[in-house]
Amino acid sequence: MSSNNNQLNVPQAKEAMERFKMECASEVGVNLKQGYNGDISAREAGSVGGQMVKKMIEAYENGMK
């Protein structure tokens, strides 16, 4: 039996991640809307996720200095 640990349990964290996702989508030119976004392409979804990871890595690296 496997459990899914991908859930955010703190409501403020969920809201912050939602804002972060929307910001990253805007930066890469993907038009996300609040709620369901299952109509975007895999390429668009991947570009948003990739931008999120890129920014998280930059933030981590900047915090190490």
PDB file of N, CA and C in Angstrom:
ATOM      1  N   MET A   1       0.847  -1.180   0.000  1.00  0.00           N
ATOM      2  CA  MET A   1       0.000   0.000   0.000  1.00  0.00           C
ATOM      3  C   MET A   1       0.893   1.245   0.000  1.00  0.00           C
ATOM      4  N   SER A   2       0.684   2.141  -0.936  1.00  0.00           N
ATOM      5  CA  SER A   2       1.472   3.365  -0.983  1.00  0.00           C
ATOM      6  C   SER A   2       0.596   4.548  -0.602  1.00  0.00           C
ATOM      7  N   SER A   3       1.239   5.546  -0.025  1.00  0.00           N
ATOM      8  CA  SER A   3       0.494   6.748   0.344  1.00  0.00           C
ATOM      9  C   SER A   3       1.002   7.919  -0.472  1.00  0.00           C
ATOM     10  N   ASN A   4       0.130   8.863  -0.747  1.00  0.00           N
ATOM     11  CA  ASN A   4       0.477  10.044  -1.520  1.00  0.00           C
ATOM     12  C   ASN A   4       0.885  11.148  -0.556  1.00  0.00           C
ATOM     13  N   ASN A   5       2.143  11.558  -0.621  1.00  0.00           N
ATOM     14  CA  ASN A   5       2.644  12.613   0.261  1.00  0.00           C
ATOM     15  C   ASN A   5       2.752  13.948  -0.457  1.00  0.00           C
ATOM     16  N   ASN A   6       2.030  14.114  -1.553  1.00  0.00           N
ATOM     17  CA  ASN A   6       2.119  15.341  -2.339  1.00  0.00           C
ATOM     18  C   ASN A   6       1.134  16.403  -1.893  1.00  0.00           C
ATOM     19  N   GLN A   7       0.483  16.206  -0.766  1.00  0.00           N
ATOM     20  CA  GLN A   7      -0.538  17.148  -0.339  1.00  0.00           C
ATOM     21  C   GLN A   7       0.046  18.206   0.597  1.00  0.00           C
ATOM     22  N   LEU A   8      -0.438  19.432   0.448  1.00  0.00           N
ATOM     23  CA  LEU A   8      -0.043  20.512   1.336  1.00  0.00           C
ATOM     24  C   LEU A   8      -1.081  20.593   2.451  1.00  0.00           C
ATOM     25  N   ASN A   9      -0.635  20.431   3.674  1.00  0.00           N
ATOM     26  CA  ASN A   9      -1.562  20.389   4.793  1.00  0.00           C
ATOM     27  C   ASN A   9      -1.819  21.746   5.435  1.00  0.00           C
ATOM     28  N   VAL A  10      -1.013  22.735   5.116  1.00  0.00           N
ATOM     29  CA  VAL A  10      -1.177  24.068   5.689  1.00  0.00           C
ATOM     30  C   VAL A  10      -1.904  24.940   4.668  1.00  0.00           C
ATOM     31  N   PRO A  11      -3.087  25.452   5.027  1.00  0.00           N
ATOM     32  CA  PRO A  11      -3.852  26.255   4.049  1.00  0.00           C
ATOM     33  C   PRO A  11      -3.062  27.426   3.464  1.00  0.00           C
ATOM     34  N   GLN A  12      -2.246  28.095   4.278  1.00  0.00           N
ATOM     35  CA  GLN A  12      -1.458  29.223   3.774  1.00  0.00           C
ATOM     36  C   GLN A  12      -0.437  28.766   2.743  1.00  0.00           C
ATOM     37  N   ALA A  13       0.113  27.579   2.934  1.00  0.00           N
ATOM     38  CA  ALA A  13       1.081  27.047   1.968  1.00  0.00           C
ATOM     39  C   ALA A  13       0.392  26.757   0.646  1.00  0.00           C
ATOM     40  N   LYS A  14      -0.810  26.222   0.716  1.00  0.00           N
ATOM     41  CA  LYS A  14      -1.552  25.924  -0.505  1.00  0.00           C
ATOM     42  C   LYS A  14      -1.841  27.211  -1.278  1.00  0.00           C
ATOM     43  N   GLU A  15      -2.257  28.243  -0.572  1.00  0.00           N
ATOM     44  CA  GLU A  15      -2.533  29.535  -1.218  1.00  0.00           C
ATOM     45  C   GLU A  15      -1.264  30.121  -1.827  1.00  0.00           C
ATOM     46  N   ALA A  16      -0.154  30.025  -1.117  1.00  0.00           N
ATOM     47  CA  ALA A  16       1.119  30.554  -1.620  1.00  0.00           C
ATOM     48  C   ALA A  16       1.561  29.795  -2.870  1.00  0.00           C
ATOM     49  N   MET A  17       1.415  28.473  -2.873  1.00  0.00           N
ATOM     50  CA  MET A  17       1.788  27.679  -4.043  1.00  0.00           C
ATOM     51  C   MET A  17       0.895  28.013  -5.234  1.00  0.00           C
ATOM     52  N   GLU A  18      -0.363  28.268  -4.983  1.00  0.00           N
ATOM     53  CA  GLU A  18      -1.296  28.645  -6.062  1.00  0.00           C
ATOM     54  C   GLU A  18      -0.863  29.971  -6.676  1.00  0.00           C
ATOM     55  N   ARG A  19      -0.500  30.954  -5.840  1.00  0.00           N
ATOM     56  CA  ARG A  19      -0.026  32.255  -6.342  1.00  0.00           C
ATOM     57  C   ARG A  19       1.280  32.079  -7.114  1.00  0.00           C
ATOM     58  N   PHE A  20       2.180  31.250  -6.577  1.00  0.00           N
ATOM     59  CA  PHE A  20       3.465  30.981  -7.225  1.00  0.00           C
ATOM     60  C   PHE A  20       3.246  30.345  -8.594  1.00  0.00           C
ATOM     61  N   LYS A  21       2.331  29.393  -8.669  1.00  0.00           N
ATOM     62  CA  LYS A  21       2.026  28.723  -9.937  1.00  0.00           C
ATOM     63  C   LYS A  21       1.489  29.725 -10.953  1.00  0.00           C
ATOM     64  N   MET A  22       0.581  30.597 -10.525  1.00  0.00           N
ATOM     65  CA  MET A  22       0.007  31.591 -11.436  1.00  0.00           C
ATOM     66  C   MET A  22       1.081  32.572 -11.916  1.00  0.00           C
ATOM     67  N   GLU A  23       1.982  32.957 -11.021  1.00  0.00           N
ATOM     68  CA  GLU A  23       3.073  33.866 -11.381  1.00  0.00           C
ATOM     69  C   GLU A  23       3.985  33.214 -12.419  1.00  0.00           C
ATOM     70  N   CYS A  24       4.341  31.964 -12.193  1.00  0.00           N
ATOM     71  CA  CYS A  24       5.220  31.251 -13.131  1.00  0.00           C
ATOM     72  C   CYS A  24       4.528  31.055 -14.474  1.00  0.00           C
ATOM     73  N   ALA A  25       3.237  30.746 -14.456  1.00  0.00           N
ATOM     74  CA  ALA A  25       2.487  30.574 -15.705  1.00  0.00           C
ATOM     75  C   ALA A  25       2.507  31.865 -16.506  1.00  0.00           C
ATOM     76  N   SER A  26       2.315  32.974 -15.825  1.00  0.00           N
ATOM     77  CA  SER A  26       2.329  34.274 -16.489  1.00  0.00           C
ATOM     78  C   SER A  26       3.695  34.539 -17.124  1.00  0.00           C
ATOM     79  N   GLU A  27       4.764  34.187 -16.409  1.00  0.00           N
ATOM     80  CA  GLU A  27       6.117  34.419 -16.909  1.00  0.00           C
ATOM     81  C   GLU A  27       6.417  33.634 -18.185  1.00  0.00           C
ATOM     82  N   VAL A  28       5.829  32.446 -18.319  1.00  0.00           N
ATOM     83  CA  VAL A  28       6.098  31.638 -19.515  1.00  0.00           C
ATOM     84  C   VAL A  28       4.989  31.767 -20.554  1.00  0.00           C
ATOM     85  N   GLY A  29       4.029  32.646 -20.305  1.00  0.00           N
ATOM     86  CA  GLY A  29       2.986  32.924 -21.292  1.00  0.00           C
ATOM     87  C   GLY A  29       1.857  31.918 -21.352  1.00  0.00           C
ATOM     88  N   VAL A  30       1.622  31.195 -20.255  1.00  0.00           N
ATOM     89  CA  VAL A  30       0.520  30.235 -20.208  1.00  0.00           C
ATOM     90  C   VAL A  30      -0.626  30.883 -19.444  1.00  0.00           C
ATOM     91  N   ASN A  31      -1.801  30.873 -20.035  1.00  0.00           N
ATOM     92  CA  ASN A  31      -2.957  31.514 -19.427  1.00  0.00           C
ATOM     93  C   ASN A  31      -3.717  30.515 -18.548  1.00  0.00           C
ATOM     94  N   LEU A  32      -3.367  30.493 -17.260  1.00  0.00           N
ATOM     95  CA  LEU A  32      -4.079  29.629 -16.318  1.00  0.00           C
ATOM     96  C   LEU A  32      -5.261  30.399 -15.742  1.00  0.00           C
ATOM     97  N   LYS A  33      -6.273  29.667 -15.331  1.00  0.00           N
ATOM     98  CA  LYS A  33      -7.409  30.273 -14.649  1.00  0.00           C
ATOM     99  C   LYS A  33      -7.559  29.604 -13.295  1.00  0.00           C
ATOM    100  N   GLN A  34      -8.278  30.244 -12.393  1.00  0.00           N
ATOM    101  CA  GLN A  34      -8.530  29.646 -11.089  1.00  0.00           C
ATOM    102  C   GLN A  34      -9.333  28.371 -11.280  1.00  0.00           C
ATOM    103  N   GLY A  35      -9.004  27.338 -10.535  1.00  0.00           N
ATOM    104  CA  GLY A  35      -9.736  26.086 -10.626  1.00  0.00           C
ATOM    105  C   GLY A  35      -9.154  25.149 -11.661  1.00  0.00           C
ATOM    106  N   TYR A  36     -10.015  24.503 -12.399  1.00  0.00           N
ATOM    107  CA  TYR A  36      -9.643  23.450 -13.337  1.00  0.00           C
ATOM    108  C   TYR A  36      -8.896  24.002 -14.552  1.00  0.00           C
ATOM    109  N   ASN A  37      -7.768  23.378 -14.857  1.00  0.00           N
ATOM    110  CA  ASN A  37      -6.975  23.765 -16.027  1.00  0.00           C
ATOM    111  C   ASN A  37      -6.622  22.557 -16.883  1.00  0.00           C
ATOM    112  N   GLY A  38      -7.479  21.558 -16.884  1.00  0.00           N
ATOM    113  CA  GLY A  38      -7.228  20.334 -17.631  1.00  0.00           C
ATOM    114  C   GLY A  38      -7.278  20.504 -19.133  1.00  0.00           C
ATOM    115  N   ASP A  39      -7.650  21.684 -19.580  1.00  0.00           N
ATOM    116  CA  ASP A  39      -7.734  21.924 -21.015  1.00  0.00           C
ATOM    117  C   ASP A  39      -6.433  22.471 -21.608  1.00  0.00           C
ATOM    118  N   ILE A  40      -5.402  22.691 -20.775  1.00  0.00           N
ATOM    119  CA  ILE A  40      -4.131  23.156 -21.341  1.00  0.00           C
ATOM    120  C   ILE A  40      -3.324  21.948 -21.802  1.00  0.00           C
ATOM    121  N   SER A  41      -2.394  22.196 -22.697  1.00  0.00           N
ATOM    122  CA  SER A  41      -1.602  21.095 -23.248  1.00  0.00           C
ATOM    123  C   SER A  41      -0.553  20.626 -22.242  1.00  0.00           C
ATOM    124  N   ALA A  42      -0.053  19.428 -22.457  1.00  0.00           N
ATOM    125  CA  ALA A  42       1.012  18.890 -21.614  1.00  0.00           C
ATOM    126  C   ALA A  42       2.250  19.780 -21.721  1.00  0.00           C
ATOM    127  N   ARG A  43       2.498  20.318 -22.897  1.00  0.00           N
ATOM    128  CA  ARG A  43       3.650  21.205 -23.095  1.00  0.00           C
ATOM    129  C   ARG A  43       3.515  22.457 -22.228  1.00  0.00           C
ATOM    130  N   GLU A  44       2.317  23.041 -22.204  1.00  0.00           N
ATOM    131  CA  GLU A  44       2.089  24.232 -21.377  1.00  0.00           C
ATOM    132  C   GLU A  44       2.231  23.902 -19.892  1.00  0.00           C
ATOM    133  N   ALA A  45       1.631  22.799 -19.473  1.00  0.00           N
ATOM    134  CA  ALA A  45       1.721  22.392 -18.071  1.00  0.00           C
ATOM    135  C   ALA A  45       3.178  22.149 -17.681  1.00  0.00           C
ATOM    136  N   GLY A  46       3.914  21.515 -18.561  1.00  0.00           N
ATOM    137  CA  GLY A  46       5.323  21.248 -18.296  1.00  0.00           C
ATOM    138  C   GLY A  46       6.151  22.512 -18.213  1.00  0.00           C
ATOM    139  N   SER A  47       5.826  23.494 -19.031  1.00  0.00           N
ATOM    140  CA  SER A  47       6.583  24.743 -18.982  1.00  0.00           C
ATOM    141  C   SER A  47       6.323  25.488 -17.678  1.00  0.00           C
ATOM    142  N   VAL A  48       5.097  25.404 -17.165  1.00  0.00           N
ATOM    143  CA  VAL A  48       4.783  26.037 -15.877  1.00  0.00           C
ATOM    144  C   VAL A  48       5.546  25.320 -14.764  1.00  0.00           C
ATOM    145  N   GLY A  49       5.486  23.991 -14.747  1.00  0.00           N
ATOM    146  CA  GLY A  49       6.206  23.223 -13.732  1.00  0.00           C
ATOM    147  C   GLY A  49       7.702  23.442 -13.805  1.00  0.00           C
ATOM    148  N   GLY A  50       8.229  23.491 -15.004  1.00  0.00           N
ATOM    149  CA  GLY A  50       9.663  23.733 -15.185  1.00  0.00           C
ATOM    150  C   GLY A  50      10.080  25.096 -14.668  1.00  0.00           C
ATOM    151  N   GLN A  51       9.254  26.100 -14.910  1.00  0.00           N
ATOM    152  CA  GLN A  51       9.549  27.449 -14.425  1.00  0.00           C
ATOM    153  C   GLN A  51       9.509  27.478 -12.900  1.00  0.00           C
ATOM    154  N   MET A  52       8.553  26.751 -12.314  1.00  0.00           N
ATOM    155  CA  MET A  52       8.453  26.692 -10.851  1.00  0.00           C
ATOM    156  C   MET A  52       9.726  26.076 -10.263  1.00  0.00           C
ATOM    157  N   VAL A  53      10.185  24.976 -10.841  1.00  0.00           N
ATOM    158  CA  VAL A  53      11.388  24.309 -10.347  1.00  0.00           C
ATOM    159  C   VAL A  53      12.600  25.212 -10.512  1.00  0.00           C
ATOM    160  N   LYS A  54      12.712  25.859 -11.663  1.00  0.00           N
ATOM    161  CA  LYS A  54      13.831  26.762 -11.918  1.00  0.00           C
ATOM    162  C   LYS A  54      13.901  27.861 -10.857  1.00  0.00           C
ATOM    163  N   LYS A  55      12.750  28.459 -10.550  1.00  0.00           N
ATOM    164  CA  LYS A  55      12.726  29.544  -9.562  1.00  0.00           C
ATOM    165  C   LYS A  55      13.015  29.036  -8.151  1.00  0.00           C
ATOM    166  N   MET A  56      12.547  27.826  -7.834  1.00  0.00           N
ATOM    167  CA  MET A  56      12.828  27.262  -6.502  1.00  0.00           C
ATOM    168  C   MET A  56      14.314  26.969  -6.343  1.00  0.00           C
ATOM    169  N   ILE A  57      14.959  26.468  -7.392  1.00  0.00           N
ATOM    170  CA  ILE A  57      16.392  26.195  -7.340  1.00  0.00           C
ATOM    171  C   ILE A  57      17.160  27.506  -7.189  1.00  0.00           C
ATOM    172  N   GLU A  58      16.773  28.529  -7.946  1.00  0.00           N
ATOM    173  CA  GLU A  58      17.444  29.842  -7.825  1.00  0.00           C
ATOM    174  C   GLU A  58      17.309  30.391  -6.414  1.00  0.00           C
ATOM    175  N   ALA A  59      16.106  30.278  -5.834  1.00  0.00           N
ATOM    176  CA  ALA A  59      15.877  30.788  -4.482  1.00  0.00           C
ATOM    177  C   ALA A  59      16.742  30.030  -3.478  1.00  0.00           C
ATOM    178  N   TYR A  60      16.847  28.726  -3.649  1.00  0.00           N
ATOM    179  CA  TYR A  60      17.669  27.906  -2.756  1.00  0.00           C
ATOM    180  C   TYR A  60      19.136  28.299  -2.874  1.00  0.00           C
ATOM    181  N   GLU A  61      19.619  28.437  -4.107  1.00  0.00           N
ATOM    182  CA  GLU A  61      21.014  28.788  -4.326  1.00  0.00           C
ATOM    183  C   GLU A  61      21.331  30.176  -3.769  1.00  0.00           C
ATOM    184  N   ASN A  62      20.397  31.108  -3.922  1.00  0.00           N
ATOM    185  CA  ASN A  62      20.605  32.454  -3.384  1.00  0.00           C
ATOM    186  C   ASN A  62      20.604  32.457  -1.866  1.00  0.00           C
ATOM    187  N   GLY A  63      19.867  31.547  -1.273  1.00  0.00           N
ATOM    188  CA  GLY A  63      19.815  31.456   0.177  1.00  0.00           C
ATOM    189  C   GLY A  63      21.086  30.850   0.769  1.00  0.00           C
ATOM    190  N   MET A  64      21.841  30.145  -0.047  1.00  0.00           N
ATOM    191  CA  MET A  64      23.058  29.508   0.428  1.00  0.00           C
ATOM    192  C   MET A  64      24.225  30.481   0.469  1.00  0.00           C
ATOM    193  N   LYS A  65      24.107  31.606  -0.181  1.00  0.00           N
ATOM    194  CA  LYS A  65      25.220  32.562  -0.273  1.00  0.00           C
ATOM    195  C   LYS A  65      25.340  33.386   0.989  1.00  0.00           C
TER     196      LYS A  65
END
